[in-house]
Each structure stands twice: as C-alpha cells, then as structure tokens.
Amino acid sequence: MTDKLILSPKYKAFLKCNAPVEFLEGTTAAGKTTVGIFKFILKCAQSSKKIHILSGLDLGTIEKNMINKDLGILDDFGSLVEYNAKGKGQYSLPHLILHTSKGNKIIYVLGYDNKARWKKALGGQYGCLYIDEINIADMEYVREASMRCDYLLATLNPDDPNLPVYKEYINCSRPLKEWQEETPAEILNMLNEEPKPGWVHWFFSFEHNYSLTGKKIEQIKRNVPTGTKLYKNKILGLRGRATGLVFSNFERKRHIKTKEWARQFLTKDIKKEHFIVYTAGLDTAYSQKSPDTIAMIFGGITNKGKYFRLDEKVYNNADLQVPIAPSDTVKNFIDFLDRNRKEWGFARNVFIDNADQATITELNKYRRQNGCIYTFNNSWKETTIIDRINLQLGWLAKDCYFILEHCKHSIEEMELYSWQEDKDNMPEDGHDHTINADQYAWLPYKNKIGSDINNGAD
C-alpha cells in the first residue's frame, strides 16, 4: 500500500452495514469511490457466487479511478488481485481475478458506454455489482445489470433530480436512522418513492473524508466557480436541475448580518442611518403531498436605501401531522407581525400572494370581526420575476441588501435558487418560498432601496 485508508465513524458504519442495495451520494472528494470499491471487493470475497461486475463510464475511467490509483483495488489488495485488461483464458472480457479462501472470484470490468460489450457480459446471475456514477450510466444497463445481482453498490454525485435513475432506484432507498440528520433536508425530501426493503442511502461530504486537510478542502472549493451547476452538485452536494444559481453574487461574508449589527438602525437620532419602513410578505402553499412551504418574511428599509430581511417563519404542511389551513395562517401571520412589531417596528401594510385568495379572505374576515392594525394587501406582481431578480442582483452588488443570520431558510434558498436548464430566462419552480415572500414585502417600496433617501417614508 502506498498510503493508509483512514476511516471516519460514518464510513466504518458503512463498511459494517449489511444491505442488499446501497447508494453513496454526496460531494466530490468525499471518498465515496475509495471506500466503496474496498467494500465491494470484500463483498465479492464473501459471496457464494463466482462472477461479479465492476462498472463505470468506460474502461479507462475505471482503471484510473478504481483499479490503478493509490488506495485503489490493486493497491488495497496487492497479490490477492490480478487485473487482465484484455481478458485471459476462458474470460475474454477485461476482468479482475480475486484470490480467496473460497476459490477465485471473477470480476468483469465493464464500461456502460460500450453497449455491445456489456450486453455480451450480461446473461446469467451475478453476485455483486458496482456501478460508479450511476447518475450518468446508461439506464438500460442499470436496469438489466441490477436485476441479475445479489448485492448492488452504486456511487453518484448529486445531479438533475428528474433523471429516471432517481425515481426508479435511488429515491427508493432511505438513510439509516442514526445517520438521517447528516443527509441534507433537500435530498431527504426527495427520497420519497416507495421504499424497497433494506435499500440504504448514504450521504458523504468532505467532512467524512479524513484524508483531506482543511486547506485541501478550501482549495477544492475555490477551484469550482460559485453560481454554477457544478458547484451546487459537487461542492454543496445538492441535486439540481438548473445550469446556475440565480443569486450568484450572494456572499455570506458580505450579505449576512447579525441582529446586533442591524439594531444600530433602530436609533431615534435622525442624523444617523435609521429604519424608515417596515414591511412583510406571505407566500403560501397548503399541500401535504409535496414539500410546499408557507413562508413569512419581515423586512426593514433604512433612509440610506439598505434593505434587511429581519425575520422569517416557515411552515411545511408535509411535515405536520395536523395540516395548516388558511384560518391557521391568519393567527400565525398576525403573531409573526406582532412579534416583529415589538422587536423592530410597525409594518402597517403587509402583502400576501395574490394567487391565494382563500388566505386573503380569511385575513380580511379576521380584520372585520376582531379589528386589526394591519392592512392586508394583494402582492404586487406587475414587476416580472426577471426584473425582481435583476433588482436584487444590483442591490447585492451595491451592498444594500442583507439577511440576518438567524434566517436559515432564506440563506439556504439564496444559495440554491437556480435557472432552469431548458429555458434561458426562467428560474426553477422551487427553493423560492422565502424569496417570493420577501419580494412581496419589498416590491411596493423598491424605489426606496439602493439609493439615499433622507425624506422618510411615504
């Protein structure tokens, strides 16, 4: 061995796990392939079957990334394994011979790019099947090969969630209970197909690869352009159908502030920068069958044209045993407004998604029957989505748009909201609930943001 394989507790748990199907999803450089092929060879040795399959994009990729590399198969197992790249004897296809106490095991090495070759190899039943980067594999190969094996191990970097491999295979798996919290919520929500018995989903990130130093991790991150699909998939470890992030110039160091920092603008000294307008927005969705979200945003604008997302409240009906109805949203929204009025200031006019007339009706009904200091307005949607985005990008560039650090959902969406791949000018319909609620809040006051205003609010 040229190096030592250092395992994190999660990888140790993976090696000990006995499951018929396992998917290893996560960031680049997380060690998925290195540890995955090690377990795969052990499973081949334990199997009662003689023939197994190791597969990847093409023969060269498999040799480079799995067989010949440091901590690859030949490095890990030394004289216990021999590789015949051009076949040998009765096995004309490229293969590995694994010498075990139970006799020799034959592991075919197949590129799923070569349909003629893998069709020639498939025919009987196999012990163990390894599919590297299953997200880019030929689906015909995945279907035919997976139904012939006793054990399937596949790796992947997150990709377009509309790919059929997710619906047919990966989303049928589930993380083990003890590791569920380490799976990003976005991916966890997508593991929503009918679960297959014993199928396990593993999520691995940089932190699970103990061979990486902090310096190396930062270098990897710097070498991938932010705001790209590559960054979203390989650095954040998140699935994404879009070509790039919408708010590509959003930076945590520049645009996320603390409550303490924002409170300086609560001053009554009008000679200093201070809040002149408070506003709020509400975006609603009541489905229990999808991760649709009810999002509330409270914002403030200073006389120097700075805008702050001061607070958020997010509900997901799919997560609740007793689903929220429009009448419940009325109480929740008023409670949210009252809390922020006491902490920050009074937002007399607030704005609700005009597509949700049921909630607006309930809010106005409450106002008539109980009296209420808030005026509930339909959201202003005359400004197109593209123009809204353009405004925000400009404000971010000029350092006059900020989010307080406790608004976790807002920050997450700003870092995920992406453009659709098949449309040049449309963002995806997702990761946008707090973004929409926020836009409803500031749209009526957009002319006050990004410029010095010393004459107060309208």
Protein backbone atom coordinates (compact mmCIF):
# COMPACT_ATOMS: atom_id res chain seq x y z
CA MET A 1 0.00 0.00 0.00
CA THR A 2 1.27 3.49 -0.81
CA ASP A 3 -0.96 5.17 1.77
CA LYS A 4 -3.24 4.43 4.68
CA LEU A 5 -7.01 4.36 4.47
CA ILE A 6 -8.29 6.47 7.39
CA LEU A 7 -11.96 5.94 8.09
CA SER A 8 -14.46 8.29 9.71
CA PRO A 9 -17.11 6.79 12.03
CA LYS A 10 -19.67 7.04 9.24
CA TYR A 11 -17.50 5.13 6.78
CA LYS A 12 -16.87 2.49 9.44
CA ALA A 13 -20.64 2.15 9.83
CA PHE A 14 -20.94 1.83 6.04
CA LEU A 15 -18.39 -0.98 5.93
CA LYS A 16 -20.24 -2.86 8.66
CA CYS A 17 -23.68 -2.37 7.09
CA ASN A 18 -25.21 -5.48 5.53
CA ALA A 19 -27.78 -4.37 2.96
CA PRO A 20 -28.78 -5.72 -0.47
CA VAL A 21 -28.57 -2.30 -2.15
CA GLU A 22 -26.53 0.75 -1.14
CA PHE A 23 -26.24 4.17 -2.79
CA LEU A 24 -23.37 6.53 -1.92
CA GLU A 25 -24.33 10.10 -2.80
CA GLY A 26 -22.53 13.31 -1.87
CA THR A 27 -19.92 15.91 -2.65
CA THR A 28 -16.86 15.42 -4.77
CA ALA A 29 -13.70 14.23 -2.94
CA ALA A 30 -15.79 12.72 -0.16
CA GLY A 31 -14.05 9.35 -0.51
CA LYS A 32 -17.13 7.51 -1.85
CA THR A 33 -15.27 5.61 -4.57
CA THR A 34 -12.19 4.86 -2.44
CA VAL A 35 -14.18 3.29 0.39
CA GLY A 36 -16.89 1.94 -1.91
CA ILE A 37 -14.56 -0.22 -4.01
CA PHE A 38 -12.88 -1.53 -0.84
CA LYS A 39 -16.23 -2.76 0.49
CA PHE A 40 -17.19 -4.08 -2.94
CA ILE A 41 -14.14 -6.35 -3.13
CA LEU A 42 -14.84 -7.62 0.39
CA LYS A 43 -18.43 -8.39 -0.63
CA CYS A 44 -17.19 -10.26 -3.71
CA ALA A 45 -14.89 -12.35 -1.49
CA GLN A 46 -17.78 -13.19 0.85
CA SER A 47 -20.24 -14.01 -1.93
CA SER A 48 -21.14 -17.59 -2.76
CA LYS A 49 -21.17 -16.66 -6.45
CA LYS A 50 -18.09 -16.70 -8.66
CA ILE A 51 -18.90 -13.95 -11.19
CA HIS A 52 -19.23 -10.25 -10.29
CA ILE A 53 -19.28 -6.92 -12.16
CA LEU A 54 -17.36 -3.67 -11.67
CA SER A 55 -18.68 -0.94 -13.97
CA GLY A 56 -18.11 2.72 -14.76
CA LEU A 57 -18.23 5.19 -17.61
CA ASP A 58 -15.54 3.44 -19.68
CA LEU A 59 -12.58 1.11 -19.26
CA GLY A 60 -10.04 3.92 -18.97
CA THR A 61 -12.04 5.70 -16.26
CA ILE A 62 -12.43 2.50 -14.24
CA GLU A 63 -8.71 1.74 -14.46
CA LYS A 64 -7.77 5.29 -13.44
CA ASN A 65 -10.30 5.85 -10.66
CA MET A 66 -10.75 2.39 -9.19
CA ILE A 67 -8.13 -0.17 -10.18
CA ASN A 68 -4.74 1.54 -10.53
CA LYS A 69 -4.98 4.62 -8.30
CA ASP A 70 -3.49 4.99 -4.81
CA LEU A 71 -5.85 3.19 -2.42
CA GLY A 72 -7.43 1.56 -5.46
CA ILE A 73 -8.11 -2.15 -5.83
CA LEU A 74 -4.56 -3.21 -6.74
CA ASP A 75 -3.11 -1.00 -4.03
CA ASP A 76 -5.53 -2.21 -1.35
CA PHE A 77 -5.40 -5.94 -2.08
CA GLY A 78 -1.97 -6.43 -3.63
CA SER A 79 -1.19 -10.01 -4.63
CA LEU A 80 -4.74 -11.12 -3.82
CA VAL A 81 -5.89 -9.48 -7.07
CA GLU A 82 -4.68 -9.63 -10.65
CA TYR A 83 -6.02 -7.49 -13.48
CA ASN A 84 -6.34 -8.77 -17.05
CA ALA A 85 -7.16 -5.71 -19.15
CA LYS A 86 -7.53 -7.71 -22.37
CA GLY A 87 -9.08 -10.82 -20.91
CA LYS A 88 -7.42 -14.13 -20.26
CA GLY A 89 -8.25 -17.77 -20.89
CA GLN A 90 -11.95 -18.54 -20.93
CA TYR A 91 -12.76 -14.96 -19.83
CA SER A 92 -12.26 -12.85 -22.95
CA LEU A 93 -13.56 -9.62 -21.42
CA PRO A 94 -11.43 -7.39 -19.17
CA HIS A 95 -11.61 -8.77 -15.64
CA LEU A 96 -10.10 -8.96 -12.20
CA ILE A 97 -9.24 -12.28 -10.54
CA LEU A 98 -9.70 -12.16 -6.77
CA HIS A 99 -7.96 -14.98 -4.90
CA THR A 100 -9.95 -16.02 -1.82
CA SER A 101 -10.14 -18.96 0.57
CA LYS A 102 -13.33 -19.92 -1.25
CA GLY A 103 -11.56 -20.06 -4.60
CA ASN A 104 -11.02 -17.47 -7.31
CA LYS A 105 -13.66 -14.83 -7.99
CA ILE A 106 -14.01 -13.28 -11.43
CA ILE A 107 -14.96 -9.59 -11.56
CA TYR A 108 -15.84 -8.36 -15.06
CA VAL A 109 -14.74 -4.77 -15.73
CA LEU A 110 -17.38 -3.09 -17.90
CA GLY A 111 -17.83 0.40 -19.28
CA TYR A 112 -21.50 1.22 -19.66
CA ASP A 113 -20.55 3.35 -22.65
CA ASN A 114 -19.85 0.13 -24.62
CA LYS A 115 -23.28 -1.40 -25.13
CA ALA A 116 -22.03 -4.27 -27.28
CA ARG A 117 -19.53 -5.32 -24.61
CA TRP A 118 -21.82 -5.15 -21.57
CA LYS A 119 -24.63 -6.90 -23.43
CA LYS A 120 -22.14 -9.68 -24.14
CA ALA A 121 -21.25 -9.93 -20.46
CA LEU A 122 -24.78 -9.91 -19.07
CA GLY A 123 -26.66 -13.14 -19.27
CA GLY A 124 -26.68 -15.06 -16.03
CA GLN A 125 -26.91 -14.25 -12.35
CA TYR A 126 -24.10 -12.42 -10.57
CA GLY A 127 -23.02 -11.94 -7.01
CA CYS A 128 -22.01 -8.30 -6.59
CA LEU A 129 -22.50 -5.31 -8.90
CA TYR A 130 -20.69 -1.98 -8.60
CA ILE A 131 -21.89 0.99 -10.68
CA ASP A 132 -19.70 4.07 -10.49
CA GLU A 133 -21.50 7.41 -11.11
CA ILE A 134 -24.84 5.73 -11.61
CA ASN A 135 -26.40 9.14 -12.35
CA ILE A 136 -24.70 9.21 -15.77
CA ALA A 137 -25.00 5.48 -16.51
CA ASP A 138 -26.97 4.03 -19.42
CA MET A 139 -30.39 3.31 -17.88
CA GLU A 140 -30.77 0.15 -19.95
CA TYR A 141 -27.55 -1.09 -18.40
CA VAL A 142 -28.66 -0.15 -14.88
CA ARG A 143 -31.95 -2.00 -15.27
CA GLU A 144 -30.52 -5.14 -16.86
CA ALA A 145 -27.49 -5.44 -14.60
CA SER A 146 -29.21 -4.64 -11.30
CA MET A 147 -31.87 -7.31 -11.70
CA ARG A 148 -29.18 -10.01 -12.02
CA CYS A 149 -27.18 -9.38 -8.84
CA ASP A 150 -27.43 -10.28 -5.16
CA TYR A 151 -25.74 -7.07 -3.99
CA LEU A 152 -25.70 -3.62 -5.65
CA LEU A 153 -23.38 -0.78 -4.64
CA ALA A 154 -23.54 2.48 -6.60
CA THR A 155 -21.90 5.88 -6.20
CA LEU A 156 -23.05 9.23 -7.52
CA ASN A 157 -22.60 12.95 -7.27
CA PRO A 158 -25.96 14.75 -6.98
CA ASP A 159 -27.45 15.57 -10.37
CA ASP A 160 -30.70 16.57 -12.07
CA PRO A 161 -33.46 15.13 -9.84
CA ASN A 162 -35.60 14.47 -12.92
CA LEU A 163 -33.26 11.72 -14.11
CA PRO A 164 -35.07 8.37 -14.18
CA VAL A 165 -32.38 6.72 -12.05
CA TYR A 166 -33.62 8.72 -9.07
CA LYS A 167 -37.25 7.71 -9.36
CA GLU A 168 -36.57 4.07 -10.24
CA TYR A 169 -33.69 3.39 -7.86
CA ILE A 170 -32.10 5.99 -5.59
CA ASN A 171 -35.27 7.56 -4.20
CA CYS A 172 -36.44 4.09 -3.16
CA SER A 173 -33.63 3.96 -0.59
CA ARG A 174 -33.51 5.52 2.88
CA PRO A 175 -30.70 6.54 5.24
CA LEU A 176 -30.18 4.56 8.40
CA LYS A 177 -31.90 6.25 11.34
CA GLU A 178 -28.67 7.11 13.12
CA TRP A 179 -27.32 8.93 10.05
CA GLN A 180 -30.51 10.57 8.81
CA GLU A 181 -29.69 14.01 10.25
CA GLU A 182 -26.49 14.15 8.17
CA THR A 183 -28.48 13.90 4.93
CA PRO A 184 -29.32 17.39 3.58
CA ALA A 185 -33.02 18.14 4.00
CA GLU A 186 -33.36 18.81 0.27
CA ILE A 187 -32.14 15.31 -0.61
CA LEU A 188 -34.03 13.69 2.26
CA ASN A 189 -37.27 15.17 0.90
CA MET A 190 -36.51 13.66 -2.49
CA LEU A 191 -36.13 10.12 -1.12
CA ASN A 192 -39.89 9.81 -1.48
CA GLU A 193 -40.56 6.81 -3.68
CA GLU A 194 -42.00 3.60 -2.24
CA PRO A 195 -39.12 2.30 -0.09
CA LYS A 196 -37.55 -1.01 -1.11
CA PRO A 197 -36.80 -3.36 1.82
CA GLY A 198 -33.26 -2.94 3.06
CA TRP A 199 -32.17 -0.37 0.46
CA VAL A 200 -29.83 2.10 2.17
CA HIS A 201 -28.92 5.65 1.15
CA TRP A 202 -25.62 7.11 2.36
CA PHE A 203 -24.69 10.79 2.10
CA PHE A 204 -20.99 11.63 2.36
CA SER A 205 -19.34 15.05 2.31
CA PHE A 206 -15.83 16.49 2.70
CA GLU A 207 -16.03 16.10 6.48
CA HIS A 208 -16.28 12.32 6.18
CA ASN A 209 -13.03 12.05 4.22
CA TYR A 210 -10.40 12.04 6.95
CA SER A 211 -7.58 12.08 4.41
CA LEU A 212 -8.45 15.67 3.39
CA THR A 213 -6.95 18.61 5.25
CA GLY A 214 -8.91 21.82 5.78
CA LYS A 215 -6.52 23.55 3.40
CA LYS A 216 -7.19 20.97 0.67
CA ILE A 217 -10.95 21.26 1.11
CA GLU A 218 -10.76 25.04 0.70
CA GLN A 219 -8.62 24.62 -2.42
CA ILE A 220 -11.19 22.26 -3.97
CA LYS A 221 -13.99 24.73 -3.22
CA ARG A 222 -12.06 27.68 -4.68
CA ASN A 223 -11.34 25.79 -7.90
CA VAL A 224 -15.07 25.37 -8.70
CA PRO A 225 -16.86 28.57 -9.80
CA THR A 226 -19.68 29.56 -7.44
CA GLY A 227 -23.08 30.02 -9.03
CA THR A 228 -22.64 27.05 -11.34
CA LYS A 229 -24.42 23.72 -11.52
CA LEU A 230 -21.05 22.08 -10.85
CA TYR A 231 -20.69 23.99 -7.58
CA LYS A 232 -24.21 23.12 -6.48
CA ASN A 233 -23.79 19.42 -7.26
CA LYS A 234 -20.17 18.72 -6.33
CA ILE A 235 -19.37 21.26 -3.60
CA LEU A 236 -22.73 21.71 -1.88
CA GLY A 237 -23.63 18.07 -2.55
CA LEU A 238 -27.15 19.00 -3.66
CA ARG A 239 -29.19 17.83 -6.58
CA GLY A 240 -30.04 20.49 -9.11
CA ARG A 241 -31.71 20.68 -12.48
CA ALA A 242 -30.52 24.18 -13.28
CA THR A 243 -27.42 25.48 -15.03
CA GLY A 244 -26.51 28.08 -12.43
CA LEU A 245 -27.51 29.90 -9.30
CA VAL A 246 -29.76 32.92 -9.73
CA PHE A 247 -28.15 34.96 -6.95
CA SER A 248 -24.59 34.09 -7.89
CA ASN A 249 -23.20 37.25 -6.23
CA PHE A 250 -24.73 36.47 -2.83
CA GLU A 251 -21.86 36.06 -0.36
CA ARG A 252 -22.24 35.07 3.27
CA LYS A 253 -19.41 37.33 4.47
CA ARG A 254 -20.88 40.37 2.73
CA HIS A 255 -24.63 39.91 2.91
CA ILE A 256 -25.37 38.09 6.16
CA LYS A 257 -25.52 40.25 9.28
CA THR A 258 -26.27 39.77 12.95
CA LYS A 259 -29.27 41.16 14.83
CA GLU A 260 -26.87 43.24 16.89
CA TRP A 261 -25.47 44.88 13.76
CA ALA A 262 -28.95 45.65 12.41
CA ARG A 263 -30.14 47.11 15.72
CA GLN A 264 -27.88 50.12 15.19
CA PHE A 265 -30.50 51.34 12.72
CA LEU A 266 -33.20 51.44 15.42
CA THR A 267 -31.72 54.75 16.56
CA LYS A 268 -34.02 57.74 17.05
CA ASP A 269 -31.21 60.06 16.01
CA ILE A 270 -32.39 61.08 12.55
CA LYS A 271 -28.91 62.34 11.69
CA LYS A 272 -27.78 58.72 11.66
CA GLU A 273 -28.89 55.91 9.35
CA HIS A 274 -32.19 54.52 10.62
CA PHE A 275 -35.14 52.37 9.57
CA ILE A 276 -37.91 54.31 7.85
CA VAL A 277 -40.12 51.50 6.51
CA TYR A 278 -41.13 48.09 7.82
CA THR A 279 -42.92 45.59 5.61
CA ALA A 280 -43.87 41.91 5.48
CA GLY A 281 -44.71 39.29 2.87
CA LEU A 282 -46.52 35.95 2.95
CA ASP A 283 -46.16 33.12 0.43
CA THR A 284 -48.48 30.15 0.90
CA ALA A 285 -48.93 26.53 -0.18
CA TYR A 286 -51.09 24.01 1.64
CA SER A 287 -50.27 20.67 0.01
CA GLN A 288 -49.45 17.72 2.27
CA LYS A 289 -48.12 15.70 -0.68
CA SER A 290 -45.15 17.89 -1.52
CA PRO A 291 -42.55 19.99 0.30
CA ASP A 292 -44.56 23.15 -0.41
CA THR A 293 -43.92 25.81 2.17
CA ILE A 294 -45.75 28.62 3.96
CA ALA A 295 -43.18 31.40 4.29
CA MET A 296 -43.39 34.69 6.21
CA ILE A 297 -40.78 37.44 5.85
CA PHE A 298 -40.41 40.67 7.83
CA GLY A 299 -38.21 43.36 6.31
CA GLY A 300 -36.93 46.84 7.01
CA ILE A 301 -35.56 49.68 4.85
CA THR A 302 -33.23 52.42 6.06
CA ASN A 303 -33.07 56.04 4.94
CA LYS A 304 -29.80 55.16 3.18
CA GLY A 305 -31.53 52.59 1.00
CA LYS A 306 -30.42 49.44 2.78
CA TYR A 307 -32.89 46.55 2.91
CA PHE A 308 -32.84 43.83 5.56
CA ARG A 309 -34.65 40.54 5.85
CA LEU A 310 -35.10 40.91 9.59
CA ASP A 311 -37.05 37.76 10.35
CA GLU A 312 -38.66 34.68 8.84
CA LYS A 313 -41.12 31.98 9.80
CA VAL A 314 -41.50 28.87 7.69
CA TYR A 315 -44.03 26.02 7.87
CA ASN A 316 -44.21 22.89 5.74
CA ASN A 317 -47.58 21.14 5.66
CA ALA A 318 -45.92 17.89 4.58
CA ASP A 319 -44.05 17.86 7.91
CA LEU A 320 -47.11 18.44 10.10
CA GLN A 321 -49.45 15.79 11.49
CA VAL A 322 -52.24 18.38 11.65
CA PRO A 323 -52.03 20.39 8.41
CA ILE A 324 -52.25 24.17 8.44
CA ALA A 325 -55.38 25.68 6.90
CA PRO A 326 -55.84 29.32 5.74
CA SER A 327 -57.58 30.12 9.04
CA ASP A 328 -54.49 28.87 10.94
CA THR A 329 -52.24 31.01 8.76
CA VAL A 330 -54.17 34.10 9.88
CA LYS A 331 -53.24 33.56 13.52
CA ASN A 332 -49.67 32.53 12.68
CA PHE A 333 -49.11 35.56 10.47
CA ILE A 334 -50.55 38.05 12.96
CA ASP A 335 -48.44 36.51 15.73
CA PHE A 336 -45.40 36.86 13.46
CA LEU A 337 -46.21 40.52 12.73
CA ASP A 338 -46.85 41.32 16.40
CA ARG A 339 -43.57 39.76 17.49
CA ASN A 340 -41.59 41.76 14.96
CA ARG A 341 -43.50 44.95 15.70
CA LYS A 342 -42.32 44.70 19.29
CA GLU A 343 -38.74 43.87 18.28
CA TRP A 344 -38.28 46.13 15.25
CA GLY A 345 -41.24 48.32 14.36
CA PHE A 346 -44.73 48.57 12.91
CA ALA A 347 -45.42 47.25 9.39
CA ARG A 348 -48.88 48.65 8.74
CA ASN A 349 -49.11 47.41 5.15
CA VAL A 350 -48.30 43.75 4.57
CA PHE A 351 -48.51 41.77 1.35
CA ILE A 352 -49.90 38.31 0.60
CA ASP A 353 -49.53 36.13 -2.50
CA ASN A 354 -52.44 37.29 -4.67
CA ALA A 355 -52.82 33.75 -6.04
CA ASP A 356 -54.06 32.70 -2.61
CA GLN A 357 -57.39 34.46 -2.27
CA ALA A 358 -58.51 31.97 0.40
CA THR A 359 -55.91 33.23 2.87
CA ILE A 360 -56.54 36.88 1.94
CA THR A 361 -60.27 36.35 2.50
CA GLU A 362 -59.60 34.80 5.92
CA LEU A 363 -57.27 37.67 6.88
CA ASN A 364 -59.81 40.33 5.91
CA LYS A 365 -62.57 38.39 7.67
CA TYR A 366 -60.48 38.39 10.83
CA ARG A 367 -59.89 42.15 10.46
CA ARG A 368 -63.63 42.86 10.14
CA GLN A 369 -64.65 40.66 13.06
CA ASN A 370 -61.87 41.42 15.51
CA GLY A 371 -60.32 44.68 14.43
CA CYS A 372 -56.68 44.70 13.39
CA ILE A 373 -53.93 47.28 13.00
CA TYR A 374 -52.55 45.62 9.86
CA THR A 375 -53.73 46.21 6.31
CA PHE A 376 -53.63 43.05 4.22
CA ASN A 377 -52.80 43.75 0.58
CA ASN A 378 -52.57 41.61 -2.52
CA SER A 379 -48.96 41.20 -3.60
CA TRP A 380 -47.73 43.48 -6.36
CA LYS A 381 -46.77 41.31 -9.32
CA GLU A 382 -46.60 43.92 -12.07
CA THR A 383 -42.81 43.67 -11.81
CA THR A 384 -41.80 40.48 -13.62
CA ILE A 385 -39.77 37.75 -11.94
CA ILE A 386 -36.75 38.58 -14.10
CA ASP A 387 -36.94 42.27 -13.18
CA ARG A 388 -37.24 41.39 -9.48
CA ILE A 389 -34.15 39.20 -9.73
CA ASN A 390 -32.27 41.93 -11.59
CA LEU A 391 -33.11 44.43 -8.85
CA GLN A 392 -31.86 42.09 -6.14
CA LEU A 393 -28.65 41.30 -8.02
CA GLY A 394 -27.97 45.04 -8.26
CA TRP A 395 -28.66 45.61 -4.58
CA LEU A 396 -26.39 42.71 -3.63
CA ALA A 397 -23.64 44.18 -5.81
CA LYS A 398 -24.01 47.58 -4.11
CA ASP A 399 -24.09 46.09 -0.58
CA CYS A 400 -27.53 47.39 0.25
CA TYR A 401 -29.36 44.05 0.60
CA PHE A 402 -28.83 41.94 3.72
CA ILE A 403 -30.25 38.91 5.54
CA LEU A 404 -29.96 38.36 9.28
CA GLU A 405 -28.05 35.23 10.20
CA HIS A 406 -30.93 33.51 12.04
CA CYS A 407 -33.00 33.41 8.80
CA LYS A 408 -31.68 29.97 7.87
CA HIS A 409 -34.32 29.14 5.22
CA SER A 410 -33.74 32.47 3.49
CA ILE A 411 -29.99 31.89 3.31
CA GLU A 412 -30.46 28.34 2.06
CA GLU A 413 -32.78 29.43 -0.75
CA MET A 414 -30.47 32.25 -1.83
CA GLU A 415 -27.74 29.63 -2.25
CA LEU A 416 -29.96 27.11 -4.08
CA TYR A 417 -32.38 29.09 -6.30
CA SER A 418 -31.30 28.24 -9.85
CA TRP A 419 -32.01 28.86 -13.52
CA GLN A 420 -33.79 26.16 -15.50
CA GLU A 421 -31.55 24.26 -17.89
CA ASP A 422 -34.03 24.18 -20.76
CA LYS A 423 -35.08 27.85 -20.54
CA ASP A 424 -32.68 30.76 -20.76
CA ASN A 425 -34.75 33.25 -18.80
CA MET A 426 -36.71 31.30 -16.19
CA PRO A 427 -35.66 30.27 -12.69
CA GLU A 428 -36.73 26.89 -11.36
CA ASP A 429 -40.05 26.49 -9.59
CA GLY A 430 -38.52 25.60 -6.25
CA HIS A 431 -36.26 26.91 -3.47
CA ASP A 432 -38.18 30.18 -3.75
CA HIS A 433 -40.77 30.40 -0.97
CA THR A 434 -38.89 32.83 1.28
CA ILE A 435 -37.64 34.58 -1.86
CA ASN A 436 -41.23 35.10 -3.05
CA ALA A 437 -42.45 36.26 0.36
CA ASP A 438 -39.52 38.67 0.55
CA GLN A 439 -40.26 40.08 -2.89
CA TYR A 440 -43.89 40.65 -1.95
CA ALA A 441 -42.62 42.61 1.06
CA TRP A 442 -40.23 44.96 -0.77
CA LEU A 443 -41.87 45.36 -4.20
CA PRO A 444 -44.11 48.31 -3.16
CA TYR A 445 -41.01 50.06 -1.78
CA LYS A 446 -38.45 49.08 -4.42
CA ASN A 447 -37.67 52.72 -5.26
CA LYS A 448 -36.50 53.28 -1.69
CA ILE A 449 -33.87 50.52 -1.87
CA GLY A 450 -30.42 51.15 -3.29
CA SER A 451 -30.48 54.93 -3.01
CA ASP A 452 -30.08 57.53 -0.28
CA ILE A 453 -33.50 58.63 1.00
CA ASN A 454 -33.46 61.34 3.66
CA ASN A 455 -37.05 62.47 3.45
CA GLY A 456 -38.54 59.49 5.29
CA ALA A 457 -41.20 57.03 4.24
CA ASP A 458 -44.31 57.65 2.20
